[in-house]
Amino acid sequence: MRMKPWAAVAAAVPLAAGCVAGPSAAPARASSGAPQSSPAQSPSGQVTAPSAARQAPPPKVPPGTTVSWLVYDRVKGRFVATRHAHRAYRSASVIKILIAIDFLESSGTVSAADARLLKIMLRESDDDAATAFWNRGGKGAIVTRVARKLRLQDTAPPPASKPGFWGYATLSAHDVVRTYRYLLDTAAPRVRETILGHLREATPCGSDGFDQTFGIPDGVPGRKAVKQGWSGFGLTPPVRCDARTQSASVSLVAARAADSRVPDYGRPVLYTTGLVGKNERYVMAVLTAHPAGTTWRSSVQRVTRITRDLHRHVS
């Protein structure tokens, strides 16, 4: 993932404030004790037993890797797998979903140019497009507005000293799943279909040349809607996914602007989030932080294995 907070800002479009009710109440906060992977916690806070004796075991977490996950089953109407769901991570590109929600809900019309920016921001995880919307929408104020509207518990803007770094916002697996549920159940059809429509067409290659097929795309069968995130792996992918020119990544910018308030600063992170299963039955978020110096190849293999095993565990 790359980020250029100094990117030029596109011309503003007419704005009309949107007001939509938030989703249903959040699940009880996970304890700070042992990981919660199985049995799972329901939205009411009650613990539920595995549905079948033959249920696959939860994923094994490799030593040195920090992992959070949360899976919501839309058919059963409850959470079916959870581990450290409220642990805070730096947002990387997953914050682009919130940027898109804020833009669409505050815009009366969307120009052709902005429609294209939304498309490449969500499908290709394009950072320049995200920066254009970020600057136009008031930077961290975007995160504050959306977190308040959706009642996100662990989401916050970047540190005040780093207002241009949208990848330094914080979020959690809980809030990512809640955001997808908002899009599915509460958002206006125009907002829902625009954002989820693009995520259903996510490209294998990010616009910065990194491969986006780790985690859910490679580890879960069937159609899916996904938003990936990555940070801390340097400027150049080990094998370029396409021939596009790339600019400064968030890891390079971070090296110039270290801040202890940024979660996992100095560690590479990989996130895979989205809707999977028949009729998009499961809402899934898997957030990971890896030891400093970990290679891209080993990290994506680890995340894909965890995601595959998590899907087998709940399905």
Protein backbone atom coordinates (compact mmCIF):
# COMPACT_ATOMS: atom_id res chain seq x y z
CA MET A 1 0.00 0.00 0.00
CA ARG A 2 1.37 3.43 -0.83
CA MET A 3 0.23 6.81 0.35
CA LYS A 4 0.86 10.33 -0.93
CA PRO A 5 -0.74 12.84 1.45
CA TRP A 6 0.49 15.68 -0.70
CA ALA A 7 -1.49 14.55 -3.76
CA ALA A 8 -3.48 17.26 -5.53
CA VAL A 9 -7.07 17.67 -4.44
CA ALA A 10 -9.79 17.28 -7.06
CA ALA A 11 -12.51 19.91 -7.46
CA ALA A 12 -15.30 19.69 -4.89
CA VAL A 13 -18.76 18.39 -5.78
CA PRO A 14 -22.12 19.66 -4.43
CA LEU A 15 -22.75 18.32 -0.94
CA ALA A 16 -25.95 17.39 0.83
CA ALA A 17 -25.76 16.02 4.35
CA GLY A 18 -26.87 12.40 4.74
CA CYS A 19 -28.34 10.97 7.90
CA VAL A 20 -28.87 7.23 8.21
CA ALA A 21 -29.56 5.26 11.37
CA GLY A 22 -26.75 3.01 12.63
CA PRO A 23 -26.76 -0.79 12.68
CA SER A 24 -27.86 -2.99 15.54
CA ALA A 25 -26.06 -3.04 18.84
CA ALA A 26 -22.43 -4.18 18.89
CA PRO A 27 -21.29 -7.47 20.42
CA ALA A 28 -19.94 -7.48 23.95
CA ARG A 29 -16.29 -6.43 24.12
CA ALA A 30 -13.87 -9.32 24.03
CA SER A 31 -11.85 -9.80 27.19
CA SER A 32 -8.13 -9.14 27.27
CA GLY A 33 -7.49 -12.72 28.32
CA ALA A 34 -7.28 -15.87 26.21
CA PRO A 35 -8.08 -15.63 22.50
CA GLN A 36 -11.74 -16.17 21.67
CA SER A 37 -11.86 -18.49 18.69
CA SER A 38 -14.30 -21.23 19.68
CA PRO A 39 -16.86 -21.31 21.13
CA ALA A 40 -17.99 -17.96 19.72
CA GLN A 41 -19.77 -15.06 21.35
CA SER A 42 -23.21 -13.97 20.16
CA PRO A 43 -24.27 -10.33 19.78
CA SER A 44 -26.06 -10.62 23.15
CA GLY A 45 -22.84 -11.70 24.86
CA GLN A 46 -23.90 -15.32 25.32
CA VAL A 47 -21.44 -18.08 24.53
CA THR A 48 -22.59 -20.56 21.91
CA ALA A 49 -21.35 -24.11 21.41
CA PRO A 50 -20.03 -25.42 18.08
CA SER A 51 -22.86 -26.45 15.78
CA ALA A 52 -21.42 -29.87 14.93
CA ALA A 53 -18.97 -32.35 16.41
CA ARG A 54 -17.14 -32.52 13.09
CA GLN A 55 -16.50 -28.78 12.99
CA ALA A 56 -12.97 -28.00 11.83
CA PRO A 57 -10.69 -26.55 14.52
CA PRO A 58 -9.92 -22.82 14.59
CA PRO A 59 -6.75 -21.60 12.88
CA LYS A 60 -3.38 -21.98 14.56
CA VAL A 61 -1.57 -18.69 15.05
CA PRO A 62 2.18 -18.81 14.27
CA PRO A 63 4.57 -17.57 16.98
CA GLY A 64 5.40 -13.89 16.66
CA THR A 65 2.31 -13.11 14.57
CA THR A 66 -0.48 -10.98 16.03
CA VAL A 67 -3.88 -12.01 14.68
CA SER A 68 -7.44 -10.80 15.21
CA TRP A 69 -10.53 -12.15 13.50
CA LEU A 70 -14.27 -11.86 13.63
CA VAL A 71 -16.89 -13.70 11.56
CA TYR A 72 -20.61 -12.89 11.54
CA ASP A 73 -23.06 -15.47 10.17
CA ARG A 74 -25.96 -13.61 8.54
CA VAL A 75 -28.13 -16.74 8.41
CA LYS A 76 -27.73 -17.59 12.09
CA GLY A 77 -27.72 -13.93 13.08
CA ARG A 78 -24.72 -14.22 15.38
CA PHE A 79 -20.95 -14.16 15.59
CA VAL A 80 -19.47 -17.59 14.99
CA ALA A 81 -15.75 -16.95 15.48
CA THR A 82 -13.90 -14.23 17.35
CA ARG A 83 -10.36 -13.59 18.47
CA HIS A 84 -9.21 -10.26 19.93
CA ALA A 85 -11.96 -8.51 17.95
CA HIS A 86 -11.39 -5.12 19.62
CA ARG A 87 -7.60 -4.99 19.29
CA ALA A 88 -6.58 -1.78 17.49
CA TYR A 89 -4.56 -1.85 14.25
CA ARG A 90 -3.42 0.92 11.95
CA SER A 91 -5.95 1.06 9.19
CA ALA A 92 -3.89 0.80 6.00
CA SER A 93 -6.20 0.61 2.96
CA VAL A 94 -9.22 -0.79 4.79
CA ILE A 95 -10.03 2.81 5.77
CA LYS A 96 -10.96 3.39 2.12
CA ILE A 97 -14.36 1.84 2.83
CA LEU A 98 -15.08 4.57 5.39
CA ILE A 99 -13.78 7.23 3.01
CA ALA A 100 -16.20 5.96 0.36
CA ILE A 101 -19.14 5.87 2.77
CA ASP A 102 -18.50 9.44 3.89
CA PHE A 103 -18.14 10.75 0.35
CA LEU A 104 -21.27 9.08 -1.00
CA GLU A 105 -23.45 9.95 1.98
CA SER A 106 -22.43 13.61 1.82
CA SER A 107 -22.70 14.00 -1.95
CA GLY A 108 -25.86 14.92 -3.79
CA THR A 109 -24.32 14.01 -7.13
CA VAL A 110 -21.20 12.15 -8.18
CA SER A 111 -19.32 13.37 -11.23
CA ALA A 112 -17.85 11.00 -13.78
CA ALA A 113 -14.37 11.87 -12.52
CA ASP A 114 -15.31 11.06 -8.93
CA ALA A 115 -17.04 7.86 -9.98
CA ARG A 116 -13.78 6.77 -11.55
CA LEU A 117 -11.83 7.69 -8.42
CA LEU A 118 -14.20 5.60 -6.31
CA LYS A 119 -13.83 2.70 -8.69
CA ILE A 120 -10.04 2.55 -8.63
CA MET A 121 -9.85 3.35 -4.90
CA LEU A 122 -12.06 0.37 -4.02
CA ARG A 123 -11.21 -2.13 -6.77
CA GLU A 124 -7.48 -1.45 -7.16
CA SER A 125 -6.88 0.06 -3.71
CA ASP A 126 -5.50 3.18 -5.39
CA ASP A 127 -3.89 5.49 -2.85
CA ASP A 128 -3.89 8.71 -4.87
CA ALA A 129 -7.66 8.40 -5.25
CA ALA A 130 -8.02 7.88 -1.51
CA THR A 131 -5.85 10.91 -0.79
CA ALA A 132 -7.99 13.10 -3.06
CA PHE A 133 -11.17 12.17 -1.16
CA TRP A 134 -9.31 12.38 2.18
CA ASN A 135 -8.15 15.94 1.60
CA ARG A 136 -11.49 17.05 0.21
CA GLY A 137 -13.49 15.55 3.07
CA GLY A 138 -11.49 17.13 5.88
CA LYS A 139 -8.97 14.35 6.52
CA GLY A 140 -9.44 12.90 10.01
CA ALA A 141 -12.89 14.47 10.26
CA ILE A 142 -14.01 11.76 7.82
CA VAL A 143 -13.14 9.03 10.31
CA THR A 144 -14.77 10.92 13.17
CA ARG A 145 -18.03 11.38 11.26
CA VAL A 146 -18.31 7.80 10.07
CA ALA A 147 -17.27 6.30 13.42
CA ARG A 148 -19.96 8.33 15.17
CA LYS A 149 -22.67 7.45 12.63
CA LEU A 150 -21.90 3.73 12.62
CA ARG A 151 -21.13 3.66 16.36
CA LEU A 152 -17.71 2.13 15.80
CA GLN A 153 -15.98 1.45 19.09
CA ASP A 154 -12.30 1.22 18.15
CA THR A 155 -11.98 3.48 15.10
CA ALA A 156 -10.18 6.83 15.37
CA PRO A 157 -8.43 9.35 13.09
CA PRO A 158 -4.64 9.44 12.66
CA PRO A 159 -2.61 11.24 15.34
CA ALA A 160 -3.07 15.01 15.20
CA SER A 161 0.58 15.38 14.19
CA LYS A 162 -0.01 13.22 11.08
CA PRO A 163 -3.30 14.51 9.61
CA GLY A 164 -2.48 13.54 6.04
CA PHE A 165 -1.76 9.90 6.76
CA TRP A 166 -5.09 8.13 6.33
CA GLY A 167 -3.30 4.77 6.72
CA TYR A 168 -2.50 5.78 10.32
CA ALA A 169 -6.12 5.81 11.42
CA THR A 170 -6.98 2.98 13.80
CA LEU A 171 -9.65 0.30 13.51
CA SER A 172 -10.43 -3.23 14.71
CA ALA A 173 -11.88 -6.46 13.35
CA HIS A 174 -15.08 -5.64 15.27
CA ASP A 175 -15.47 -2.28 13.56
CA VAL A 176 -14.66 -3.65 10.10
CA VAL A 177 -17.39 -6.29 10.43
CA ARG A 178 -19.79 -3.66 11.76
CA THR A 179 -19.05 -1.48 8.74
CA TYR A 180 -19.91 -4.27 6.31
CA ARG A 181 -23.12 -4.95 8.23
CA TYR A 182 -24.00 -1.27 7.97
CA LEU A 183 -23.55 -1.40 4.22
CA LEU A 184 -25.64 -4.57 3.94
CA ASP A 185 -28.48 -3.68 6.31
CA THR A 186 -28.68 0.09 6.84
CA ALA A 187 -27.00 2.17 4.15
CA ALA A 188 -29.04 3.67 1.33
CA PRO A 189 -29.18 1.42 -1.77
CA ARG A 190 -27.05 3.86 -3.78
CA VAL A 191 -24.29 3.73 -1.17
CA ARG A 192 -24.55 -0.02 -0.62
CA GLU A 193 -24.52 -1.02 -4.27
CA THR A 194 -21.78 1.40 -5.26
CA ILE A 195 -19.33 0.27 -2.59
CA LEU A 196 -20.13 -3.44 -2.46
CA GLY A 197 -20.42 -3.53 -6.24
CA HIS A 198 -16.82 -2.35 -6.54
CA LEU A 199 -15.59 -4.70 -3.81
CA ARG A 200 -17.20 -7.62 -5.66
CA GLU A 201 -15.03 -6.63 -8.63
CA ALA A 202 -11.76 -6.16 -6.72
CA THR A 203 -8.81 -6.67 -9.06
CA PRO A 204 -6.06 -9.23 -8.48
CA CYS A 205 -3.48 -6.43 -8.67
CA GLY A 206 -3.38 -3.29 -6.60
CA SER A 207 -2.54 -0.09 -8.47
CA ASP A 208 0.83 -0.04 -6.67
CA GLY A 209 1.81 -3.41 -8.16
CA PHE A 210 1.17 -5.56 -5.08
CA ASP A 211 -0.84 -8.78 -5.44
CA GLN A 212 -4.24 -8.48 -3.70
CA THR A 213 -5.17 -12.16 -3.81
CA PHE A 214 -3.91 -13.17 -0.36
CA GLY A 215 -6.33 -14.18 2.39
CA ILE A 216 -9.98 -14.33 1.31
CA PRO A 217 -9.44 -14.33 -2.49
CA ASP A 218 -7.07 -17.33 -2.42
CA GLY A 219 -8.25 -19.01 0.78
CA VAL A 220 -12.05 -19.01 0.45
CA PRO A 221 -13.94 -20.65 -2.45
CA GLY A 222 -16.74 -19.04 -4.43
CA ARG A 223 -17.59 -15.44 -5.21
CA LYS A 224 -16.75 -12.77 -2.69
CA ALA A 225 -16.54 -9.03 -2.05
CA VAL A 226 -13.20 -8.01 -0.55
CA LYS A 227 -11.16 -5.08 0.69
CA GLN A 228 -7.52 -5.80 1.42
CA GLY A 229 -4.93 -3.79 3.30
CA TRP A 230 -1.16 -3.91 3.61
CA SER A 231 1.58 -1.69 4.99
CA GLY A 232 5.24 -1.94 5.89
CA PHE A 233 6.57 -4.08 3.02
CA GLY A 234 8.56 -1.38 1.27
CA LEU A 235 8.20 0.39 -2.04
CA THR A 236 8.50 -2.45 -4.49
CA PRO A 237 6.61 -5.76 -4.47
CA PRO A 238 8.86 -8.84 -4.81
CA VAL A 239 7.10 -9.71 -8.06
CA ARG A 240 5.18 -6.92 -9.74
CA CYS A 241 1.55 -7.74 -10.38
CA ASP A 242 1.41 -5.32 -13.29
CA ALA A 243 3.55 -2.75 -15.08
CA ARG A 244 2.14 0.43 -13.59
CA THR A 245 4.39 3.07 -12.11
CA GLN A 246 4.20 3.32 -8.35
CA SER A 247 5.14 6.09 -5.97
CA ALA A 248 6.00 6.33 -2.29
CA SER A 249 4.44 3.62 -0.15
CA VAL A 250 3.07 4.20 3.31
CA SER A 251 6.09 2.38 4.72
CA LEU A 252 8.48 4.94 3.21
CA VAL A 253 6.38 7.84 4.45
CA ALA A 254 6.18 6.17 7.87
CA ALA A 255 9.96 5.98 8.05
CA ARG A 256 10.00 9.78 7.90
CA ALA A 257 7.22 10.24 10.42
CA ALA A 258 7.41 7.65 13.18
CA ASP A 259 4.79 8.00 15.90
CA SER A 260 4.38 5.66 18.87
CA ARG A 261 0.61 6.27 18.80
CA VAL A 262 0.32 4.41 15.50
CA PRO A 263 -0.53 0.74 16.25
CA ASP A 264 2.21 -1.76 15.36
CA TYR A 265 4.47 0.92 13.96
CA GLY A 266 7.59 -0.81 12.65
CA ARG A 267 5.79 -4.08 11.93
CA PRO A 268 4.33 -5.05 8.54
CA VAL A 269 0.57 -5.62 8.55
CA LEU A 270 -1.79 -7.52 6.24
CA TYR A 271 -5.59 -7.42 6.35
CA THR A 272 -8.19 -9.37 4.43
CA THR A 273 -11.85 -8.45 4.87
CA GLY A 274 -15.13 -8.99 3.09
CA LEU A 275 -18.26 -10.99 2.35
CA VAL A 276 -17.98 -14.71 1.57
CA GLY A 277 -20.14 -17.80 1.15
CA LYS A 278 -23.40 -18.43 -0.67
CA ASN A 279 -25.44 -15.22 -0.83
CA GLU A 280 -22.60 -13.53 1.07
CA ARG A 281 -23.55 -15.39 4.23
CA TYR A 282 -20.43 -14.55 6.23
CA VAL A 283 -18.94 -11.18 7.07
CA MET A 284 -15.26 -11.80 7.77
CA ALA A 285 -12.31 -9.72 8.94
CA VAL A 286 -8.80 -11.07 9.53
CA LEU A 287 -6.22 -8.51 10.70
CA THR A 288 -2.56 -9.48 11.19
CA ALA A 289 0.72 -7.90 12.25
CA HIS A 290 3.99 -9.68 11.51
CA PRO A 291 7.50 -9.54 12.99
CA ALA A 292 9.70 -6.74 11.68
CA GLY A 293 11.60 -7.83 8.60
CA THR A 294 9.10 -10.52 7.60
CA THR A 295 8.98 -11.10 3.86
CA TRP A 296 5.89 -10.44 1.76
CA ARG A 297 5.80 -14.03 0.55
CA SER A 298 5.84 -15.63 3.99
CA SER A 299 3.32 -13.12 5.33
CA VAL A 300 0.74 -13.62 2.60
CA GLN A 301 1.09 -17.40 2.87
CA ARG A 302 0.48 -17.16 6.60
CA VAL A 303 -2.59 -14.95 6.19
CA THR A 304 -4.07 -17.12 3.46
CA ARG A 305 -3.64 -20.25 5.57
CA ILE A 306 -5.27 -18.62 8.60
CA THR A 307 -8.17 -17.33 6.49
CA ARG A 308 -8.72 -20.70 4.81
CA ASP A 309 -8.76 -22.50 8.16
CA LEU A 310 -11.07 -19.90 9.67
CA HIS A 311 -13.57 -20.35 6.84
CA ARG A 312 -13.46 -24.13 7.29
CA HIS A 313 -14.00 -23.65 11.01
CA VAL A 314 -17.23 -21.67 10.60
CA SER A 315 -18.72 -23.27 7.49
